[in-house]
């Protein structure tokens, strides 16, 4: 595969960093990363169905590149709450299906480092904080969306979820027939992949209907058995999640506006700064921040304590 990675000069696009691999293409223009899945047989079904994703710089918490003997990995770290897909799946997407990982061939390690450095530089220059956000910065999958796996089919049209059962569904669940759940009645989404001998599920948390049964018998859940099409249920989960109130919106604002001595951080502010220091340490250990970047960011936080 022929690859060209040339910084491009333009009026609205002063610099472009791009890496093209069989696994996919990542292109960064200073404002956003464009992630396009490749056509290689190892690209997961979910990534193919998601198609091209545009991730704004403000949604990123960091990027890392890990070299390996046979291949390397570019990895994006998004800010908590920025992407409904990551929120709905709880970060449990396996690598073939994770759109925020890219397999890099050894002869393109230099290009991968360049792309990662450009993203890091932009995050520092723009002062993008890694803290959680209070609103989704990615839109989630378009609707209508549907997926069939495990013991049923889930369909979401933007206003309601419809669950239909197949011949493998337990009689106790299938006997009531197809289930329609208005979006207004949904308070949350659970997506869990199958792992080992444990089955996975896509479950909708419904107002006034406490979870008392395992997914196998729950009429608001589709049970997943670890087959090829299971990850597509994450599309439905993300599409619903994107149209629910953002998780931070449910948190009451308990901050107090009482005056405090000049230069003394409020209790909440102090906790935020301490959490920021821990996050910086994690980014440094993960290779997302260089020694110099870590020292600079750490000094800035310490000055505010």
C-alpha atoms as a PDB file:
ATOM      1  CA  UNK A   1       0.000   0.000   0.000  1.00  0.00           C
ATOM      2  CA  UNK A   2       1.358   3.385  -0.970  1.00  0.00           C
ATOM      3  CA  UNK A   3       1.259   6.039   1.737  1.00  0.00           C
ATOM      4  CA  UNK A   4       1.947   9.739   1.538  1.00  0.00           C
ATOM      5  CA  UNK A   5       2.220  11.797   4.689  1.00  0.00           C
ATOM      6  CA  UNK A   6       3.078  15.351   3.820  1.00  0.00           C
ATOM      7  CA  UNK A   7       2.441  18.442   5.930  1.00  0.00           C
ATOM      8  CA  UNK A   8       0.078  20.468   3.766  1.00  0.00           C
ATOM      9  CA  UNK A   9      -0.038  24.256   3.754  1.00  0.00           C
ATOM     10  CA  UNK A  10      -3.370  25.949   3.159  1.00  0.00           C
ATOM     11  CA  UNK A  11      -5.486  28.954   4.132  1.00  0.00           C
ATOM     12  CA  UNK A  12      -7.751  27.111   6.574  1.00  0.00           C
ATOM     13  CA  UNK A  13      -5.620  24.010   7.017  1.00  0.00           C
ATOM     14  CA  UNK A  14      -2.046  24.985   7.810  1.00  0.00           C
ATOM     15  CA  UNK A  15      -0.967  21.444   8.662  1.00  0.00           C
ATOM     16  CA  UNK A  16      -2.122  17.916   8.015  1.00  0.00           C
ATOM     17  CA  UNK A  17      -0.857  14.727   9.618  1.00  0.00           C
ATOM     18  CA  UNK A  18      -2.075  11.472   8.117  1.00  0.00           C
ATOM     19  CA  UNK A  19      -1.327   7.779   8.404  1.00  0.00           C
ATOM     20  CA  UNK A  20      -2.785   5.194   6.036  1.00  0.00           C
ATOM     21  CA  UNK A  21      -2.757   1.527   7.002  1.00  0.00           C
ATOM     22  CA  UNK A  22      -4.631  -1.626   6.072  1.00  0.00           C
ATOM     23  CA  UNK A  23      -6.431  -1.271   9.408  1.00  0.00           C
ATOM     24  CA  UNK A  24      -7.626   2.236   8.538  1.00  0.00           C
ATOM     25  CA  UNK A  25      -6.674   5.866   8.015  1.00  0.00           C
ATOM     26  CA  UNK A  26      -6.242   8.598  10.612  1.00  0.00           C
ATOM     27  CA  UNK A  27      -6.032  12.189   9.374  1.00  0.00           C
ATOM     28  CA  UNK A  28      -5.528  15.170  11.679  1.00  0.00           C
ATOM     29  CA  UNK A  29      -6.033  18.752  10.463  1.00  0.00           C
ATOM     30  CA  UNK A  30      -5.424  20.584  13.730  1.00  0.00           C
ATOM     31  CA  UNK A  31      -9.119  20.785  14.636  1.00  0.00           C
ATOM     32  CA  UNK A  32     -10.295  17.183  14.428  1.00  0.00           C
ATOM     33  CA  UNK A  33      -9.203  13.626  13.747  1.00  0.00           C
ATOM     34  CA  UNK A  34     -10.898  11.826  10.870  1.00  0.00           C
ATOM     35  CA  UNK A  35     -10.934   8.068  11.531  1.00  0.00           C
ATOM     36  CA  UNK A  36     -11.735   5.871   8.534  1.00  0.00           C
ATOM     37  CA  UNK A  37     -11.833   2.066   8.933  1.00  0.00           C
ATOM     38  CA  UNK A  38      -9.803   0.007   6.479  1.00  0.00           C
ATOM     39  CA  UNK A  39     -11.011  -2.877   4.360  1.00  0.00           C
ATOM     40  CA  UNK A  40      -8.689  -5.461   5.847  1.00  0.00           C
ATOM     41  CA  UNK A  41     -10.343  -8.709   6.934  1.00  0.00           C
ATOM     42  CA  UNK A  42      -9.232  -8.097  10.515  1.00  0.00           C
ATOM     43  CA  UNK A  43     -11.242  -4.861  10.812  1.00  0.00           C
ATOM     44  CA  UNK A  44     -14.162  -5.600  13.130  1.00  0.00           C
ATOM     45  CA  UNK A  45     -17.771  -5.563  11.977  1.00  0.00           C
ATOM     46  CA  UNK A  46     -18.696  -2.753  14.359  1.00  0.00           C
ATOM     47  CA  UNK A  47     -15.963  -0.459  13.019  1.00  0.00           C
ATOM     48  CA  UNK A  48     -17.153  -1.088   9.480  1.00  0.00           C
ATOM     49  CA  UNK A  49     -20.728  -0.287  10.391  1.00  0.00           C
ATOM     50  CA  UNK A  50     -19.707   2.880  12.254  1.00  0.00           C
ATOM     51  CA  UNK A  51     -17.896   4.098   9.147  1.00  0.00           C
ATOM     52  CA  UNK A  52     -15.906   7.303   9.236  1.00  0.00           C
ATOM     53  CA  UNK A  53     -15.801   9.148  12.553  1.00  0.00           C
ATOM     54  CA  UNK A  54     -14.800  12.771  13.028  1.00  0.00           C
ATOM     55  CA  UNK A  55     -13.473  13.380  16.528  1.00  0.00           C
ATOM     56  CA  UNK A  56     -13.099  17.060  17.468  1.00  0.00           C
ATOM     57  CA  UNK A  57      -9.908  18.040  19.265  1.00  0.00           C
ATOM     58  CA  UNK A  58     -11.934  19.116  22.291  1.00  0.00           C
ATOM     59  CA  UNK A  59     -13.164  15.540  22.775  1.00  0.00           C
ATOM     60  CA  UNK A  60      -9.642  14.163  23.204  1.00  0.00           C
ATOM     61  CA  UNK A  61      -7.813  13.577  26.469  1.00  0.00           C
ATOM     62  CA  UNK A  62      -4.673  12.179  24.842  1.00  0.00           C
ATOM     63  CA  UNK A  63      -3.037   9.877  22.323  1.00  0.00           C
ATOM     64  CA  UNK A  64      -0.372   7.217  22.658  1.00  0.00           C
ATOM     65  CA  UNK A  65       1.683   5.062  20.320  1.00  0.00           C
ATOM     66  CA  UNK A  66       2.983   1.667  21.388  1.00  0.00           C
ATOM     67  CA  UNK A  67       5.609  -0.136  19.346  1.00  0.00           C
ATOM     68  CA  UNK A  68       5.625  -3.897  19.029  1.00  0.00           C
ATOM     69  CA  UNK A  69       7.809  -6.436  17.315  1.00  0.00           C
ATOM     70  CA  UNK A  70       5.226  -7.319  14.661  1.00  0.00           C
ATOM     71  CA  UNK A  71       2.968  -4.285  14.828  1.00  0.00           C
ATOM     72  CA  UNK A  72       2.284  -1.160  16.835  1.00  0.00           C
ATOM     73  CA  UNK A  73      -0.858   0.536  18.158  1.00  0.00           C
ATOM     74  CA  UNK A  74      -2.067   4.102  17.991  1.00  0.00           C
ATOM     75  CA  UNK A  75      -4.630   4.700  20.717  1.00  0.00           C
ATOM     76  CA  UNK A  76      -6.873   7.664  21.371  1.00  0.00           C
ATOM     77  CA  UNK A  77      -8.122   8.482  24.838  1.00  0.00           C
ATOM     78  CA  UNK A  78     -11.362  10.456  24.840  1.00  0.00           C
ATOM     79  CA  UNK A  79     -12.604  12.644  27.648  1.00  0.00           C
ATOM     80  CA  UNK A  80     -15.179  10.929  29.828  1.00  0.00           C
ATOM     81  CA  UNK A  81     -18.684  11.709  28.639  1.00  0.00           C
ATOM     82  CA  UNK A  82     -17.606  12.920  25.188  1.00  0.00           C
ATOM     83  CA  UNK A  83     -18.726   9.877  23.200  1.00  0.00           C
ATOM     84  CA  UNK A  84     -22.054   8.060  23.712  1.00  0.00           C
ATOM     85  CA  UNK A  85     -20.563   4.882  22.225  1.00  0.00           C
ATOM     86  CA  UNK A  86     -17.836   4.691  24.864  1.00  0.00           C
ATOM     87  CA  UNK A  87     -20.281   5.603  27.607  1.00  0.00           C
ATOM     88  CA  UNK A  88     -22.799   2.959  26.558  1.00  0.00           C
ATOM     89  CA  UNK A  89     -20.170   0.216  26.207  1.00  0.00           C
ATOM     90  CA  UNK A  90     -18.173   1.192  29.289  1.00  0.00           C
ATOM     91  CA  UNK A  91     -14.883   0.925  27.397  1.00  0.00           C
ATOM     92  CA  UNK A  92     -15.409  -2.826  26.892  1.00  0.00           C
ATOM     93  CA  UNK A  93     -15.098  -2.939  23.103  1.00  0.00           C
ATOM     94  CA  UNK A  94     -12.584  -5.549  21.940  1.00  0.00           C
ATOM     95  CA  UNK A  95      -9.722  -4.272  19.781  1.00  0.00           C
ATOM     96  CA  UNK A  96     -11.087  -5.308  16.355  1.00  0.00           C
ATOM     97  CA  UNK A  97     -14.222  -3.263  17.091  1.00  0.00           C
ATOM     98  CA  UNK A  98     -12.686  -0.277  18.906  1.00  0.00           C
ATOM     99  CA  UNK A  99     -12.638   2.701  16.488  1.00  0.00           C
ATOM    100  CA  UNK A 100     -10.073   4.511  18.639  1.00  0.00           C
ATOM    101  CA  UNK A 101      -7.242   2.039  18.032  1.00  0.00           C
ATOM    102  CA  UNK A 102      -5.200   1.656  14.860  1.00  0.00           C
ATOM    103  CA  UNK A 103      -2.801  -1.179  14.060  1.00  0.00           C
ATOM    104  CA  UNK A 104       0.454   0.219  12.641  1.00  0.00           C
ATOM    105  CA  UNK A 105       2.941  -1.710  10.519  1.00  0.00           C
ATOM    106  CA  UNK A 106       6.618  -1.488  11.606  1.00  0.00           C
ATOM    107  CA  UNK A 107       7.700   0.487   8.549  1.00  0.00           C
ATOM    108  CA  UNK A 108       5.264   3.258   9.530  1.00  0.00           C
ATOM    109  CA  UNK A 109       6.304   3.696  13.155  1.00  0.00           C
ATOM    110  CA  UNK A 110       7.864   7.059  12.359  1.00  0.00           C
ATOM    111  CA  UNK A 111       4.657   8.286  10.752  1.00  0.00           C
ATOM    112  CA  UNK A 112       2.626   7.105  13.749  1.00  0.00           C
ATOM    113  CA  UNK A 113       4.921   9.002  16.124  1.00  0.00           C
ATOM    114  CA  UNK A 114       4.523  12.111  13.972  1.00  0.00           C
ATOM    115  CA  UNK A 115       0.713  11.914  14.052  1.00  0.00           C
ATOM    116  CA  UNK A 116       0.724  11.354  17.818  1.00  0.00           C
ATOM    117  CA  UNK A 117       3.077  14.306  18.358  1.00  0.00           C
ATOM    118  CA  UNK A 118       0.904  16.593  16.236  1.00  0.00           C
ATOM    119  CA  UNK A 119      -2.190  15.693  18.259  1.00  0.00           C
ATOM    120  CA  UNK A 120      -0.336  16.155  21.569  1.00  0.00           C
ATOM    121  CA  UNK A 121       1.022  19.527  20.472  1.00  0.00           C
ATOM    122  CA  UNK A 122      -2.454  20.688  19.459  1.00  0.00           C
ATOM    123  CA  UNK A 123      -3.931  19.587  22.802  1.00  0.00           C
ATOM    124  CA  UNK A 124      -1.280  21.567  24.665  1.00  0.00           C
ATOM    125  CA  UNK A 125      -1.522  24.650  22.456  1.00  0.00           C
ATOM    126  CA  UNK A 126      -5.312  24.742  22.691  1.00  0.00           C
ATOM    127  CA  UNK A 127      -5.250  23.992  26.414  1.00  0.00           C
ATOM    128  CA  UNK A 128      -7.747  21.133  26.100  1.00  0.00           C
ATOM    129  CA  UNK A 129      -8.260  19.698  29.603  1.00  0.00           C
ATOM    130  CA  UNK A 130      -8.616  15.923  30.073  1.00  0.00           C
ATOM    131  CA  UNK A 131     -11.453  16.344  32.566  1.00  0.00           C
ATOM    132  CA  UNK A 132     -14.931  14.889  31.862  1.00  0.00           C
ATOM    133  CA  UNK A 133     -17.320  16.935  29.733  1.00  0.00           C
ATOM    134  CA  UNK A 134     -20.939  17.812  30.494  1.00  0.00           C
ATOM    135  CA  UNK A 135     -22.308  17.120  27.018  1.00  0.00           C
ATOM    136  CA  UNK A 136     -21.667  14.677  24.199  1.00  0.00           C
ATOM    137  CA  UNK A 137     -19.132  15.963  21.651  1.00  0.00           C
ATOM    138  CA  UNK A 138     -19.799  13.134  19.186  1.00  0.00           C
ATOM    139  CA  UNK A 139     -23.295  12.546  17.800  1.00  0.00           C
ATOM    140  CA  UNK A 140     -23.641   8.791  18.103  1.00  0.00           C
ATOM    141  CA  UNK A 141     -24.907   6.495  15.326  1.00  0.00           C
ATOM    142  CA  UNK A 142     -27.665   7.850  13.055  1.00  0.00           C
ATOM    143  CA  UNK A 143     -31.184   6.463  13.289  1.00  0.00           C
ATOM    144  CA  UNK A 144     -32.983   4.324  12.428  1.00  0.00           C
ATOM    145  CA  UNK A 145     -30.591   1.616  13.536  1.00  0.00           C
ATOM    146  CA  UNK A 146     -31.112  -2.072  14.155  1.00  0.00           C
ATOM    147  CA  UNK A 147     -29.137  -5.165  15.066  1.00  0.00           C
ATOM    148  CA  UNK A 148     -29.897  -8.862  15.390  1.00  0.00           C
ATOM    149  CA  UNK A 149     -27.855 -11.082  17.677  1.00  0.00           C
ATOM    150  CA  UNK A 150     -28.304 -13.508  20.525  1.00  0.00           C
ATOM    151  CA  UNK A 151     -31.953 -14.103  21.347  1.00  0.00           C
ATOM    152  CA  UNK A 152     -33.467 -11.099  19.585  1.00  0.00           C
ATOM    153  CA  UNK A 153     -33.453  -7.995  17.414  1.00  0.00           C
ATOM    154  CA  UNK A 154     -33.281  -4.412  18.674  1.00  0.00           C
ATOM    155  CA  UNK A 155     -34.578  -1.542  16.529  1.00  0.00           C
ATOM    156  CA  UNK A 156     -34.388   2.158  17.436  1.00  0.00           C
ATOM    157  CA  UNK A 157     -36.034   4.870  15.336  1.00  0.00           C
ATOM    158  CA  UNK A 158     -35.120   7.854  17.482  1.00  0.00           C
ATOM    159  CA  UNK A 159     -38.345   7.793  19.511  1.00  0.00           C
ATOM    160  CA  UNK A 160     -38.799   4.212  20.634  1.00  0.00           C
ATOM    161  CA  UNK A 161     -36.968   0.920  20.977  1.00  0.00           C
ATOM    162  CA  UNK A 162     -38.580  -2.244  19.653  1.00  0.00           C
ATOM    163  CA  UNK A 163     -37.362  -5.656  20.801  1.00  0.00           C
ATOM    164  CA  UNK A 164     -38.337  -8.704  18.779  1.00  0.00           C
ATOM    165  CA  UNK A 165     -37.570 -12.285  19.776  1.00  0.00           C
ATOM    166  CA  UNK A 166     -36.393 -15.325  17.800  1.00  0.00           C
ATOM    167  CA  UNK A 167     -36.860 -19.053  18.191  1.00  0.00           C
ATOM    168  CA  UNK A 168     -33.965 -19.243  20.666  1.00  0.00           C
ATOM    169  CA  UNK A 169     -35.606 -16.873  23.163  1.00  0.00           C
ATOM    170  CA  UNK A 170     -36.743 -18.302  26.490  1.00  0.00           C
ATOM    171  CA  UNK A 171     -40.505 -18.861  26.521  1.00  0.00           C
ATOM    172  CA  UNK A 172     -40.922 -16.784  29.676  1.00  0.00           C
ATOM    173  CA  UNK A 173     -39.635 -13.749  27.795  1.00  0.00           C
ATOM    174  CA  UNK A 174     -41.014 -14.438  24.333  1.00  0.00           C
ATOM    175  CA  UNK A 175     -44.557 -15.230  25.482  1.00  0.00           C
ATOM    176  CA  UNK A 176     -45.445 -11.533  25.835  1.00  0.00           C
ATOM    177  CA  UNK A 177     -44.482 -10.900  22.216  1.00  0.00           C
ATOM    178  CA  UNK A 178     -42.436  -7.997  20.815  1.00  0.00           C
ATOM    179  CA  UNK A 179     -41.664  -5.195  23.261  1.00  0.00           C
ATOM    180  CA  UNK A 180     -41.874  -1.464  22.437  1.00  0.00           C
ATOM    181  CA  UNK A 181     -40.244   1.005  24.840  1.00  0.00           C
ATOM    182  CA  UNK A 182     -40.685   4.775  24.346  1.00  0.00           C
ATOM    183  CA  UNK A 183     -37.444   6.714  24.645  1.00  0.00           C
ATOM    184  CA  UNK A 184     -39.069   8.873  27.341  1.00  0.00           C
ATOM    185  CA  UNK A 185     -39.342   5.772  29.559  1.00  0.00           C
ATOM    186  CA  UNK A 186     -35.676   4.769  29.194  1.00  0.00           C
ATOM    187  CA  UNK A 187     -33.378   5.950  31.968  1.00  0.00           C
ATOM    188  CA  UNK A 188     -30.193   4.169  30.928  1.00  0.00           C
ATOM    189  CA  UNK A 189     -28.499   1.591  28.732  1.00  0.00           C
ATOM    190  CA  UNK A 190     -26.319  -1.400  29.657  1.00  0.00           C
ATOM    191  CA  UNK A 191     -24.127  -3.186  27.118  1.00  0.00           C
ATOM    192  CA  UNK A 192     -21.971  -6.067  28.231  1.00  0.00           C
ATOM    193  CA  UNK A 193     -20.043  -8.348  25.839  1.00  0.00           C
ATOM    194  CA  UNK A 194     -19.891 -12.080  26.365  1.00  0.00           C
ATOM    195  CA  UNK A 195     -16.727 -13.096  28.215  1.00  0.00           C
ATOM    196  CA  UNK A 196     -15.615 -16.657  28.738  1.00  0.00           C
ATOM    197  CA  UNK A 197     -18.585 -18.685  29.925  1.00  0.00           C
ATOM    198  CA  UNK A 198     -20.550 -15.551  30.813  1.00  0.00           C
ATOM    199  CA  UNK A 199     -23.107 -14.322  28.270  1.00  0.00           C
ATOM    200  CA  UNK A 200     -23.359 -10.643  27.446  1.00  0.00           C
ATOM    201  CA  UNK A 201     -26.432  -8.461  26.999  1.00  0.00           C
ATOM    202  CA  UNK A 202     -27.972  -5.231  25.821  1.00  0.00           C
ATOM    203  CA  UNK A 203     -30.380  -4.050  28.497  1.00  0.00           C
ATOM    204  CA  UNK A 204     -32.586  -0.951  28.622  1.00  0.00           C
ATOM    205  CA  UNK A 205     -33.272   0.440  32.067  1.00  0.00           C
ATOM    206  CA  UNK A 206     -36.928   1.431  32.120  1.00  0.00           C
ATOM    207  CA  UNK A 207     -38.571   3.859  34.515  1.00  0.00           C
ATOM    208  CA  UNK A 208     -40.747   1.986  36.998  1.00  0.00           C
ATOM    209  CA  UNK A 209     -39.378  -1.435  36.012  1.00  0.00           C
ATOM    210  CA  UNK A 210     -36.649  -2.525  38.447  1.00  0.00           C
ATOM    211  CA  UNK A 211     -34.136  -5.060  37.182  1.00  0.00           C
ATOM    212  CA  UNK A 212     -35.022  -8.306  38.914  1.00  0.00           C
ATOM    213  CA  UNK A 213     -34.289 -10.947  36.258  1.00  0.00           C
ATOM    214  CA  UNK A 214     -31.139 -11.926  34.366  1.00  0.00           C
ATOM    215  CA  UNK A 215     -31.064 -10.858  30.682  1.00  0.00           C
ATOM    216  CA  UNK A 216     -32.154 -14.346  29.642  1.00  0.00           C
ATOM    217  CA  UNK A 217     -35.583 -13.657  31.159  1.00  0.00           C
ATOM    218  CA  UNK A 218     -35.686  -9.845  31.134  1.00  0.00           C
ATOM    219  CA  UNK A 219     -38.163  -8.490  28.524  1.00  0.00           C
ATOM    220  CA  UNK A 220     -36.132  -5.257  28.358  1.00  0.00           C
ATOM    221  CA  UNK A 221     -32.886  -7.043  27.435  1.00  0.00           C
ATOM    222  CA  UNK A 222     -31.351  -8.982  24.563  1.00  0.00           C
ATOM    223  CA  UNK A 223     -29.002 -11.746  25.679  1.00  0.00           C
ATOM    224  CA  UNK A 224     -25.715 -12.060  23.737  1.00  0.00           C
ATOM    225  CA  UNK A 225     -23.781 -15.295  23.354  1.00  0.00           C
ATOM    226  CA  UNK A 226     -20.449 -14.154  21.970  1.00  0.00           C
ATOM    227  CA  UNK A 227     -21.109 -14.602  18.260  1.00  0.00           C
ATOM    228  CA  UNK A 228     -19.896 -12.470  15.366  1.00  0.00           C
ATOM    229  CA  UNK A 229     -22.767  -9.987  15.247  1.00  0.00           C
ATOM    230  CA  UNK A 230     -22.890  -9.285  18.993  1.00  0.00           C
ATOM    231  CA  UNK A 231     -20.868  -6.029  18.769  1.00  0.00           C
ATOM    232  CA  UNK A 232     -23.495  -4.508  16.452  1.00  0.00           C
ATOM    233  CA  UNK A 233     -25.806  -4.260  19.467  1.00  0.00           C
ATOM    234  CA  UNK A 234     -23.427  -1.519  20.640  1.00  0.00           C
ATOM    235  CA  UNK A 235     -24.711   0.602  17.730  1.00  0.00           C
ATOM    236  CA  UNK A 236     -28.228   0.509  19.144  1.00  0.00           C
ATOM    237  CA  UNK A 237     -26.926   1.124  22.655  1.00  0.00           C
ATOM    238  CA  UNK A 238     -24.932   4.180  21.520  1.00  0.00           C
ATOM    239  CA  UNK A 239     -27.781   5.601  19.423  1.00  0.00           C
ATOM    240  CA  UNK A 240     -30.135   5.460  22.421  1.00  0.00           C
ATOM    241  CA  UNK A 241     -27.489   6.769  24.820  1.00  0.00           C
ATOM    242  CA  UNK A 242     -26.831   9.783  22.581  1.00  0.00           C
ATOM    243  CA  UNK A 243     -30.493  10.795  22.846  1.00  0.00           C
ATOM    244  CA  UNK A 244     -30.785  10.421  26.606  1.00  0.00           C
ATOM    245  CA  UNK A 245     -29.881  13.276  28.970  1.00  0.00           C
ATOM    246  CA  UNK A 246     -26.121  13.439  29.437  1.00  0.00           C
ATOM    247  CA  UNK A 247     -25.058  11.635  32.647  1.00  0.00           C
ATOM    248  CA  UNK A 248     -23.666  14.831  34.160  1.00  0.00           C
ATOM    249  CA  UNK A 249     -27.028  16.568  33.663  1.00  0.00           C
ATOM    250  CA  UNK A 250     -28.535  14.332  36.348  1.00  0.00           C
ATOM    251  CA  UNK A 251     -26.026  15.458  38.943  1.00  0.00           C
ATOM    252  CA  UNK A 252     -27.389  18.245  41.157  1.00  0.00           C
ATOM    253  CA  UNK A 253     -25.320  21.401  41.440  1.00  0.00           C
ATOM    254  CA  UNK A 254     -24.332  21.438  45.094  1.00  0.00           C
ATOM    255  CA  UNK A 255     -21.565  24.003  44.803  1.00  0.00           C
ATOM    256  CA  UNK A 256     -21.680  26.843  47.302  1.00  0.00           C
ATOM    257  CA  UNK A 257     -20.853  30.453  46.453  1.00  0.00           C
ATOM    258  CA  UNK A 258     -19.738  31.478  49.937  1.00  0.00           C
ATOM    259  CA  UNK A 259     -16.682  33.751  49.836  1.00  0.00           C
ATOM    260  CA  UNK A 260     -13.274  32.341  50.787  1.00  0.00           C
ATOM    261  CA  UNK A 261      -9.881  33.891  51.476  1.00  0.00           C
ATOM    262  CA  UNK A 262      -8.038  35.058  48.377  1.00  0.00           C
ATOM    263  CA  UNK A 263      -5.727  32.423  46.936  1.00  0.00           C
ATOM    264  CA  UNK A 264      -7.351  29.575  48.857  1.00  0.00           C
ATOM    265  CA  UNK A 265      -9.041  27.005  46.589  1.00  0.00           C
ATOM    266  CA  UNK A 266     -12.549  25.897  47.446  1.00  0.00           C
ATOM    267  CA  UNK A 267     -12.947  22.334  48.631  1.00  0.00           C
ATOM    268  CA  UNK A 268     -14.364  21.223  45.270  1.00  0.00           C
ATOM    269  CA  UNK A 269     -11.646  23.125  43.378  1.00  0.00           C
ATOM    270  CA  UNK A 270      -8.970  21.522  45.538  1.00  0.00           C
ATOM    271  CA  UNK A 271     -10.359  18.060  44.845  1.00  0.00           C
ATOM    272  CA  UNK A 272     -10.483  18.822  41.121  1.00  0.00           C
ATOM    273  CA  UNK A 273      -6.842  19.883  41.118  1.00  0.00           C
ATOM    274  CA  UNK A 274      -5.785  16.776  43.012  1.00  0.00           C
ATOM    275  CA  UNK A 275      -7.727  14.642  40.555  1.00  0.00           C
ATOM    276  CA  UNK A 276      -6.031  16.517  37.720  1.00  0.00           C
ATOM    277  CA  UNK A 277      -2.614  15.669  39.181  1.00  0.00           C
ATOM    278  CA  UNK A 278      -3.554  11.976  39.340  1.00  0.00           C
ATOM    279  CA  UNK A 279      -4.782  12.054  35.744  1.00  0.00           C
ATOM    280  CA  UNK A 280      -1.575  13.714  34.576  1.00  0.00           C
ATOM    281  CA  UNK A 281       0.405  10.985  36.309  1.00  0.00           C
ATOM    282  CA  UNK A 282      -1.636   8.321  34.539  1.00  0.00           C
ATOM    283  CA  UNK A 283      -1.174  10.030  31.159  1.00  0.00           C
ATOM    284  CA  UNK A 284       2.571  10.194  31.797  1.00  0.00           C
ATOM    285  CA  UNK A 285       2.777   6.515  32.757  1.00  0.00           C
ATOM    286  CA  UNK A 286       0.740   5.534  29.693  1.00  0.00           C
ATOM    287  CA  UNK A 287       3.104   7.437  27.412  1.00  0.00           C
ATOM    288  CA  UNK A 288       0.484   9.985  26.364  1.00  0.00           C
ATOM    289  CA  UNK A 289       2.548  12.833  27.881  1.00  0.00           C
ATOM    290  CA  UNK A 290       6.299  13.164  27.482  1.00  0.00           C
ATOM    291  CA  UNK A 291       8.500  13.953  30.504  1.00  0.00           C
ATOM    292  CA  UNK A 292       8.653  17.605  29.457  1.00  0.00           C
ATOM    293  CA  UNK A 293       4.898  17.888  28.879  1.00  0.00           C
ATOM    294  CA  UNK A 294       4.172  16.216  32.201  1.00  0.00           C
ATOM    295  CA  UNK A 295       6.524  18.518  34.124  1.00  0.00           C
ATOM    296  CA  UNK A 296       5.028  21.617  32.479  1.00  0.00           C
ATOM    297  CA  UNK A 297       1.423  20.583  33.141  1.00  0.00           C
ATOM    298  CA  UNK A 298       2.212  19.498  36.702  1.00  0.00           C
ATOM    299  CA  UNK A 299       3.801  22.875  37.516  1.00  0.00           C
ATOM    300  CA  UNK A 300       0.717  24.676  36.199  1.00  0.00           C
ATOM    301  CA  UNK A 301      -1.565  22.636  38.460  1.00  0.00           C
ATOM    302  CA  UNK A 302       0.638  23.016  41.524  1.00  0.00           C
ATOM    303  CA  UNK A 303       0.597  26.784  41.166  1.00  0.00           C
ATOM    304  CA  UNK A 304      -3.186  26.707  41.631  1.00  0.00           C
ATOM    305  CA  UNK A 305      -3.114  24.576  44.788  1.00  0.00           C
END
